[in-house]
């Protein structure tokens, strides 16, 4: 028993320096990727000449939420790992812990609101609700954490959590897992299923109507050509949005599942290898949750191709290259138009689709 107490005291007052170096490296990479990616998205959105759509509005606030994660969750944790102990006042300790979980809530609930909102008039209200709920749900963090002595009589202080009841830690971690992960995933999957089903029904109805009216459409081909093209483009836009939502949900689940599994394991299983050498994997997994803030901006850019072009225009060297490519492309298109009229119409159709 004495040896066990001595080992516990030693593990509390010291740390594995090799593991700490790995943690610092991982956090530094996550911070850089998250800041660069989300800053690029915001810069592209602010510099675009296109009218701001509700999709772009939510992408903007999702990027802001991910930057909150980067600057107020990852960066403080990185500094904390470098210094080993929290160097600051009790108020700073509570503020840092509050902001660390605020980014988690904001990023998650912004994604939910983006999925469930139906009209453009609701967009600003949904965004406001997301931020207000995130600010509210983060409040307990400021009361639970405080600057306290890690072990009585040592004079060593750190920003730690304290619970009045023995079951307090289990209750709080479980609540966080449900509020940040379990409930949002259920809502996201349900909403995605409803969206997919609605798109499938619309596409099937259009196909059936198209088959029953094929003869009439042949006679009115010239009059309805633009309308059919518009419907086709709208369907493609909806499908692209649905695909992006699906990818975001999958990546969200992939990034957060290991983190919350480890969190729940550590509080519900007294024999979890958190303090032992095998706990290295435990610790690394808990750092990877912030990867979600790194992947989101690249998903946005992949499914909104014009954002990459808009961002490139903000960089002088890239903008000049794009202008040269457009000049070359314009000359080539002019030659093609003189030689072949059908190619001109096809080029207009493709450009209209790509602008959506």
Protein backbone atom coordinates (compact mmCIF):
# COMPACT_ATOMS: atom_id res chain seq x y z
CA UNK A 1 0.00 0.00 0.00
CA UNK A 2 2.88 2.35 0.85
CA UNK A 3 4.52 1.65 -2.50
CA UNK A 4 1.24 2.33 -4.27
CA UNK A 5 0.87 5.65 -2.50
CA UNK A 6 4.43 6.62 -3.33
CA UNK A 7 3.93 5.75 -6.99
CA UNK A 8 0.70 7.75 -7.12
CA UNK A 9 2.40 10.75 -5.55
CA UNK A 10 5.31 10.52 -7.97
CA UNK A 11 2.99 10.28 -10.99
CA UNK A 12 1.08 13.32 -9.76
CA UNK A 13 4.16 15.49 -9.33
CA UNK A 14 6.08 14.31 -12.42
CA UNK A 15 5.37 13.29 -16.00
CA UNK A 16 6.71 11.25 -18.90
CA UNK A 17 8.84 13.78 -20.78
CA UNK A 18 9.01 11.68 -23.96
CA UNK A 19 5.23 11.43 -24.06
CA UNK A 20 5.01 15.18 -23.41
CA UNK A 21 7.17 15.87 -26.48
CA UNK A 22 4.85 13.76 -28.63
CA UNK A 23 1.82 15.59 -27.24
CA UNK A 24 3.40 18.98 -27.94
CA UNK A 25 4.24 17.98 -31.52
CA UNK A 26 0.72 16.69 -32.20
CA UNK A 27 -0.94 19.77 -30.72
CA UNK A 28 1.36 22.09 -32.69
CA UNK A 29 0.49 20.34 -35.97
CA UNK A 30 -3.24 20.40 -35.20
CA UNK A 31 -3.05 24.10 -34.31
CA UNK A 32 -1.25 25.06 -37.52
CA UNK A 33 -3.51 23.01 -39.80
CA UNK A 34 -6.71 24.24 -38.12
CA UNK A 35 -5.68 27.91 -38.21
CA UNK A 36 -4.44 27.83 -41.81
CA UNK A 37 -7.42 25.87 -43.14
CA UNK A 38 -10.16 27.87 -41.44
CA UNK A 39 -8.42 31.19 -42.12
CA UNK A 40 -8.30 30.29 -45.82
CA UNK A 41 -12.03 29.50 -45.82
CA UNK A 42 -12.91 32.78 -44.09
CA UNK A 43 -10.67 34.76 -46.41
CA UNK A 44 -12.25 33.10 -49.45
CA UNK A 45 -15.78 33.76 -48.17
CA UNK A 46 -15.03 37.40 -47.37
CA UNK A 47 -13.40 38.01 -50.75
CA UNK A 48 -15.94 36.20 -52.93
CA UNK A 49 -18.00 38.28 -55.32
CA UNK A 50 -20.88 35.82 -55.20
CA UNK A 51 -23.97 36.55 -53.17
CA UNK A 52 -23.70 35.06 -49.69
CA UNK A 53 -25.90 31.98 -49.51
CA UNK A 54 -27.18 30.35 -46.33
CA UNK A 55 -24.68 27.53 -46.91
CA UNK A 56 -21.80 30.03 -47.01
CA UNK A 57 -23.17 31.78 -43.92
CA UNK A 58 -23.08 28.56 -41.92
CA UNK A 59 -19.67 27.61 -43.31
CA UNK A 60 -18.40 31.00 -42.14
CA UNK A 61 -19.65 30.48 -38.59
CA UNK A 62 -18.46 26.88 -38.54
CA UNK A 63 -15.01 28.14 -39.47
CA UNK A 64 -15.21 30.76 -36.72
CA UNK A 65 -16.18 28.04 -34.23
CA UNK A 66 -13.26 25.90 -35.42
CA UNK A 67 -10.92 28.85 -34.95
CA UNK A 68 -12.26 29.17 -31.40
CA UNK A 69 -11.27 25.53 -30.94
CA UNK A 70 -7.81 26.24 -32.36
CA UNK A 71 -7.03 29.39 -30.37
CA UNK A 72 -8.89 28.70 -27.12
CA UNK A 73 -8.69 24.92 -26.83
CA UNK A 74 -5.64 23.65 -28.70
CA UNK A 75 -3.33 26.64 -28.10
CA UNK A 76 -3.85 26.80 -24.29
CA UNK A 77 -3.43 23.03 -24.10
CA UNK A 78 -0.20 23.31 -26.09
CA UNK A 79 1.15 25.98 -23.73
CA UNK A 80 0.02 23.89 -20.79
CA UNK A 81 1.95 20.88 -22.08
CA UNK A 82 5.08 22.99 -22.55
CA UNK A 83 4.96 24.42 -19.01
CA UNK A 84 3.65 21.16 -17.46
CA UNK A 85 1.76 23.12 -14.78
CA UNK A 86 -0.82 25.85 -15.36
CA UNK A 87 0.88 29.21 -14.92
CA UNK A 88 -1.83 31.72 -14.17
CA UNK A 89 -4.45 32.93 -11.73
CA UNK A 90 -7.61 31.15 -10.67
CA UNK A 91 -9.72 33.43 -12.89
CA UNK A 92 -7.51 32.66 -15.88
CA UNK A 93 -7.81 28.95 -15.13
CA UNK A 94 -11.61 29.10 -15.13
CA UNK A 95 -11.68 31.29 -18.26
CA UNK A 96 -9.41 28.94 -20.20
CA UNK A 97 -11.44 25.87 -19.29
CA UNK A 98 -14.67 27.69 -20.19
CA UNK A 99 -13.35 28.68 -23.62
CA UNK A 100 -11.93 25.22 -24.25
CA UNK A 101 -15.32 23.57 -24.11
CA UNK A 102 -17.11 26.53 -25.75
CA UNK A 103 -15.46 25.74 -29.08
CA UNK A 104 -16.54 22.11 -28.86
CA UNK A 105 -20.17 23.06 -28.28
CA UNK A 106 -20.21 25.83 -30.90
CA UNK A 107 -18.70 23.70 -33.67
CA UNK A 108 -21.09 20.84 -32.93
CA UNK A 109 -24.30 22.86 -32.61
CA UNK A 110 -23.51 25.00 -35.63
CA UNK A 111 -23.35 21.80 -37.67
CA UNK A 112 -26.69 20.66 -36.24
CA UNK A 113 -28.40 23.97 -37.01
CA UNK A 114 -27.01 23.91 -40.54
CA UNK A 115 -28.62 20.50 -41.03
CA UNK A 116 -32.07 21.22 -39.58
CA UNK A 117 -32.68 24.78 -40.83
CA UNK A 118 -35.03 24.97 -43.81
CA UNK A 119 -35.23 28.59 -44.99
CA UNK A 120 -32.87 31.52 -45.43
CA UNK A 121 -34.90 33.65 -43.00
CA UNK A 122 -34.08 31.17 -40.22
CA UNK A 123 -30.33 31.19 -40.81
CA UNK A 124 -29.40 34.10 -38.54
CA UNK A 125 -31.75 32.87 -35.82
CA UNK A 126 -30.26 29.37 -35.95
CA UNK A 127 -26.72 30.75 -35.77
CA UNK A 128 -27.65 32.95 -32.80
CA UNK A 129 -29.26 29.98 -31.02
CA UNK A 130 -26.14 27.87 -31.64
CA UNK A 131 -23.86 30.43 -30.02
CA UNK A 132 -26.22 31.15 -27.10
CA UNK A 133 -26.66 27.45 -26.28
CA UNK A 134 -22.90 26.93 -26.51
CA UNK A 135 -22.21 29.83 -24.13
CA UNK A 136 -24.83 28.47 -21.70
CA UNK A 137 -23.73 24.83 -21.72
CA UNK A 138 -20.10 25.85 -21.16
CA UNK A 139 -20.84 27.63 -17.86
CA UNK A 140 -20.45 24.55 -15.56
CA UNK A 141 -16.86 24.20 -16.74
CA UNK A 142 -15.97 27.52 -15.09
CA UNK A 143 -17.29 26.32 -11.72
CA UNK A 144 -15.86 22.81 -11.80
CA UNK A 145 -12.28 23.82 -12.62
CA UNK A 146 -10.12 26.01 -10.41
CA UNK A 147 -6.50 26.55 -9.43
CA UNK A 148 -5.81 24.06 -6.66
CA UNK A 149 -2.96 22.21 -5.00
CA UNK A 150 -2.28 18.95 -6.81
CA UNK A 151 -1.28 17.28 -3.57
CA UNK A 152 -1.72 18.70 -0.11
CA UNK A 153 1.44 20.15 1.37
CA UNK A 154 3.47 20.16 -1.86
CA UNK A 155 2.85 23.78 -2.83
CA UNK A 156 2.36 22.71 -6.46
CA UNK A 157 -0.78 24.13 -8.08
CA UNK A 158 -2.59 23.27 -11.29
CA UNK A 159 -5.90 23.94 -13.01
CA UNK A 160 -7.88 20.89 -11.93
CA UNK A 161 -11.50 19.86 -11.57
CA UNK A 162 -13.10 19.22 -8.20
CA UNK A 163 -16.42 17.52 -7.43
CA UNK A 164 -18.33 17.52 -4.16
CA UNK A 165 -19.74 14.02 -4.65
CA UNK A 166 -17.72 10.94 -5.69
CA UNK A 167 -20.05 10.37 -8.62
CA UNK A 168 -19.65 13.96 -9.83
CA UNK A 169 -16.87 13.19 -12.30
CA UNK A 170 -18.81 10.34 -13.90
CA UNK A 171 -21.94 12.47 -14.15
CA UNK A 172 -20.15 15.42 -15.72
CA UNK A 173 -18.15 13.41 -18.27
CA UNK A 174 -21.27 11.46 -19.22
CA UNK A 175 -23.26 14.68 -19.61
CA UNK A 176 -20.54 16.17 -21.81
CA UNK A 177 -20.41 13.04 -23.97
CA UNK A 178 -24.18 13.11 -24.46
CA UNK A 179 -24.40 16.88 -25.08
CA UNK A 180 -21.42 17.16 -27.42
CA UNK A 181 -21.43 13.77 -29.15
CA UNK A 182 -24.25 11.26 -28.64
CA UNK A 183 -27.28 13.55 -28.99
CA UNK A 184 -25.79 15.57 -31.89
CA UNK A 185 -24.88 12.41 -33.80
CA UNK A 186 -28.42 11.05 -33.39
CA UNK A 187 -29.88 14.35 -34.62
CA UNK A 188 -27.44 14.56 -37.54
CA UNK A 189 -28.12 11.00 -38.68
CA UNK A 190 -31.88 11.51 -38.44
CA UNK A 191 -31.75 14.80 -40.37
CA UNK A 192 -29.46 13.35 -43.02
CA UNK A 193 -31.81 10.40 -43.43
CA UNK A 194 -34.78 12.73 -43.87
CA UNK A 195 -32.90 14.89 -46.40
CA UNK A 196 -31.78 11.86 -48.40
CA UNK A 197 -35.29 10.39 -48.41
CA UNK A 198 -36.77 13.69 -49.59
CA UNK A 199 -34.26 14.01 -52.43
CA UNK A 200 -34.88 10.40 -53.45
CA UNK A 201 -38.66 10.95 -53.52
CA UNK A 202 -38.28 14.12 -55.61
CA UNK A 203 -35.95 12.46 -58.08
CA UNK A 204 -38.24 9.44 -58.43
CA UNK A 205 -41.28 11.68 -58.94
CA UNK A 206 -39.45 13.65 -61.63
CA UNK A 207 -38.42 10.43 -63.36
CA UNK A 208 -41.99 9.12 -63.37
CA UNK A 209 -43.38 12.39 -64.70
CA UNK A 210 -40.67 12.49 -67.32
CA UNK A 211 -41.58 9.00 -68.57
CA UNK A 212 -45.32 9.74 -68.72
CA UNK A 213 -44.89 13.00 -70.58
CA UNK A 214 -42.10 12.05 -72.95
CA UNK A 215 -44.21 12.57 -76.05
CA UNK A 216 -45.48 15.96 -74.90
CA UNK A 217 -41.99 17.08 -73.96
CA UNK A 218 -40.71 16.27 -77.42
CA UNK A 219 -43.25 18.67 -78.88
CA UNK A 220 -42.37 21.36 -76.33
CA UNK A 221 -38.61 20.69 -76.28
CA UNK A 222 -37.59 24.16 -77.33
CA UNK A 223 -39.93 25.88 -74.85
CA UNK A 224 -38.94 23.76 -71.84
CA UNK A 225 -35.20 23.32 -72.43
CA UNK A 226 -34.14 26.06 -70.01
CA UNK A 227 -36.57 24.89 -67.33
CA UNK A 228 -35.34 21.28 -67.50
CA UNK A 229 -31.73 22.50 -67.29
CA UNK A 230 -32.62 24.60 -64.22
CA UNK A 231 -34.30 21.66 -62.48
CA UNK A 232 -31.30 19.47 -63.28
CA UNK A 233 -28.89 22.04 -61.84
CA UNK A 234 -30.98 22.44 -58.68
CA UNK A 235 -30.99 18.68 -58.19
CA UNK A 236 -27.22 18.57 -58.61
CA UNK A 237 -26.80 21.35 -56.06
CA UNK A 238 -28.99 19.50 -53.55
CA UNK A 239 -27.11 16.27 -54.12
CA UNK A 240 -23.76 18.05 -53.69
CA UNK A 241 -24.96 19.61 -50.43
CA UNK A 242 -26.20 16.23 -49.20
CA UNK A 243 -22.87 14.62 -50.02
CA UNK A 244 -21.01 17.34 -48.15
CA UNK A 245 -23.28 16.90 -45.13
CA UNK A 246 -22.69 13.15 -45.20
CA UNK A 247 -18.90 13.55 -45.34
CA UNK A 248 -18.94 16.10 -42.50
CA UNK A 249 -21.00 13.74 -40.32
CA UNK A 250 -18.74 10.76 -41.05
CA UNK A 251 -15.59 12.76 -40.28
CA UNK A 252 -17.21 14.20 -37.15
CA UNK A 253 -18.03 10.71 -35.85
CA UNK A 254 -14.58 9.41 -36.80
CA UNK A 255 -12.76 12.21 -34.95
CA UNK A 256 -14.88 12.36 -31.80
CA UNK A 257 -15.67 8.67 -31.17
CA UNK A 258 -12.19 7.68 -29.87
CA UNK A 259 -12.05 10.76 -27.63
CA UNK A 260 -15.35 10.13 -25.88
CA UNK A 261 -14.80 6.37 -25.67
CA UNK A 262 -11.54 7.04 -23.84
CA UNK A 263 -13.18 9.69 -21.65
CA UNK A 264 -16.00 7.37 -20.63
CA UNK A 265 -13.62 4.47 -20.10
CA UNK A 266 -11.35 6.55 -17.87
CA UNK A 267 -14.16 7.56 -15.48
CA UNK A 268 -16.27 4.40 -15.47
CA UNK A 269 -13.44 1.85 -15.29
CA UNK A 270 -11.16 2.21 -12.28
CA UNK A 271 -8.56 -0.03 -13.91
CA UNK A 272 -8.29 2.03 -17.11
CA UNK A 273 -4.58 2.38 -18.09
CA UNK A 274 -4.58 6.15 -17.83
CA UNK A 275 -1.67 6.65 -15.44
CA UNK A 276 0.45 3.70 -16.56
CA UNK A 277 2.84 3.37 -19.47
CA UNK A 278 0.14 1.81 -21.73
CA UNK A 279 -1.75 5.03 -21.10
CA UNK A 280 0.38 6.71 -23.75
CA UNK A 281 -2.12 5.63 -26.41
CA UNK A 282 -4.87 6.79 -24.07
CA UNK A 283 -3.37 10.28 -23.90
CA UNK A 284 -2.66 10.58 -27.63
CA UNK A 285 -6.21 9.54 -28.56
CA UNK A 286 -7.64 12.26 -26.33
CA UNK A 287 -5.65 14.86 -28.29
CA UNK A 288 -7.05 13.81 -31.67
CA UNK A 289 -10.60 15.11 -31.12
CA UNK A 290 -9.52 18.53 -32.39
CA UNK A 291 -8.73 16.96 -35.77
CA UNK A 292 -12.34 17.69 -36.66
CA UNK A 293 -11.53 21.40 -36.74
CA UNK A 294 -8.66 20.61 -39.14
CA UNK A 295 -10.71 18.57 -41.60
CA UNK A 296 -13.82 20.76 -41.84
CA UNK A 297 -12.34 23.61 -43.94
CA UNK A 298 -10.91 21.24 -46.55
CA UNK A 299 -14.29 19.51 -46.85
CA UNK A 300 -15.93 22.90 -47.45
CA UNK A 301 -13.40 23.80 -50.14
CA UNK A 302 -13.69 20.43 -51.84
CA UNK A 303 -17.46 20.66 -52.20
CA UNK A 304 -17.46 24.42 -52.93
CA UNK A 305 -14.84 24.57 -55.65
CA UNK A 306 -15.16 28.31 -56.24
CA UNK A 307 -13.89 28.96 -52.69
CA UNK A 308 -10.46 27.77 -53.80
CA UNK A 309 -10.54 30.17 -56.75
CA UNK A 310 -11.75 33.01 -54.53
CA UNK A 311 -8.93 32.35 -52.08
CA UNK A 312 -6.39 32.14 -54.91
CA UNK A 313 -7.45 35.61 -56.08
CA UNK A 314 -6.40 36.97 -52.68
CA UNK A 315 -2.81 35.88 -53.35
CA UNK A 316 -1.08 38.07 -55.98
CA UNK A 317 0.99 35.31 -57.58
CA UNK A 318 -1.99 32.93 -57.77
CA UNK A 319 -4.29 35.67 -59.08
CA UNK A 320 -1.91 36.50 -61.95
CA UNK A 321 -1.64 32.81 -62.85
CA UNK A 322 -5.42 32.47 -62.91
CA UNK A 323 -5.73 35.51 -65.16
CA UNK A 324 -3.21 34.03 -67.59
CA UNK A 325 -5.10 30.72 -67.60
CA UNK A 326 -8.39 32.52 -68.22
CA UNK A 327 -6.86 34.52 -71.07
CA UNK A 328 -5.52 31.34 -72.66
CA UNK A 329 -8.84 29.58 -72.08
CA UNK A 330 -10.79 32.49 -73.57
CA UNK A 331 -8.70 32.39 -76.73
CA UNK A 332 -9.17 28.66 -77.03
CA UNK A 333 -12.93 28.94 -76.48
CA UNK A 334 -13.21 31.67 -79.12
CA UNK A 335 -11.50 29.40 -81.65
CA UNK A 336 -13.76 26.50 -80.67
CA UNK A 337 -16.89 28.62 -80.96
CA UNK A 338 -16.00 29.66 -84.51
CA UNK A 339 -15.44 26.06 -85.53
CA UNK A 340 -18.29 24.33 -83.72
CA UNK A 341 -21.57 25.81 -82.42
CA UNK A 342 -22.63 22.81 -80.24
CA UNK A 343 -19.43 23.14 -78.23
CA UNK A 344 -20.38 26.72 -77.38
CA UNK A 345 -23.69 25.61 -75.86
CA UNK A 346 -22.04 22.85 -73.89
CA UNK A 347 -19.49 25.27 -72.47
CA UNK A 348 -22.30 27.60 -71.26
CA UNK A 349 -24.09 24.69 -69.56
CA UNK A 350 -20.95 23.55 -67.75
CA UNK A 351 -20.07 27.05 -66.59
CA UNK A 352 -23.55 27.61 -65.20
CA UNK A 353 -23.33 24.37 -63.26
CA UNK A 354 -19.90 25.18 -61.85
CA UNK A 355 -21.05 28.56 -60.57
CA UNK A 356 -23.64 27.07 -58.26
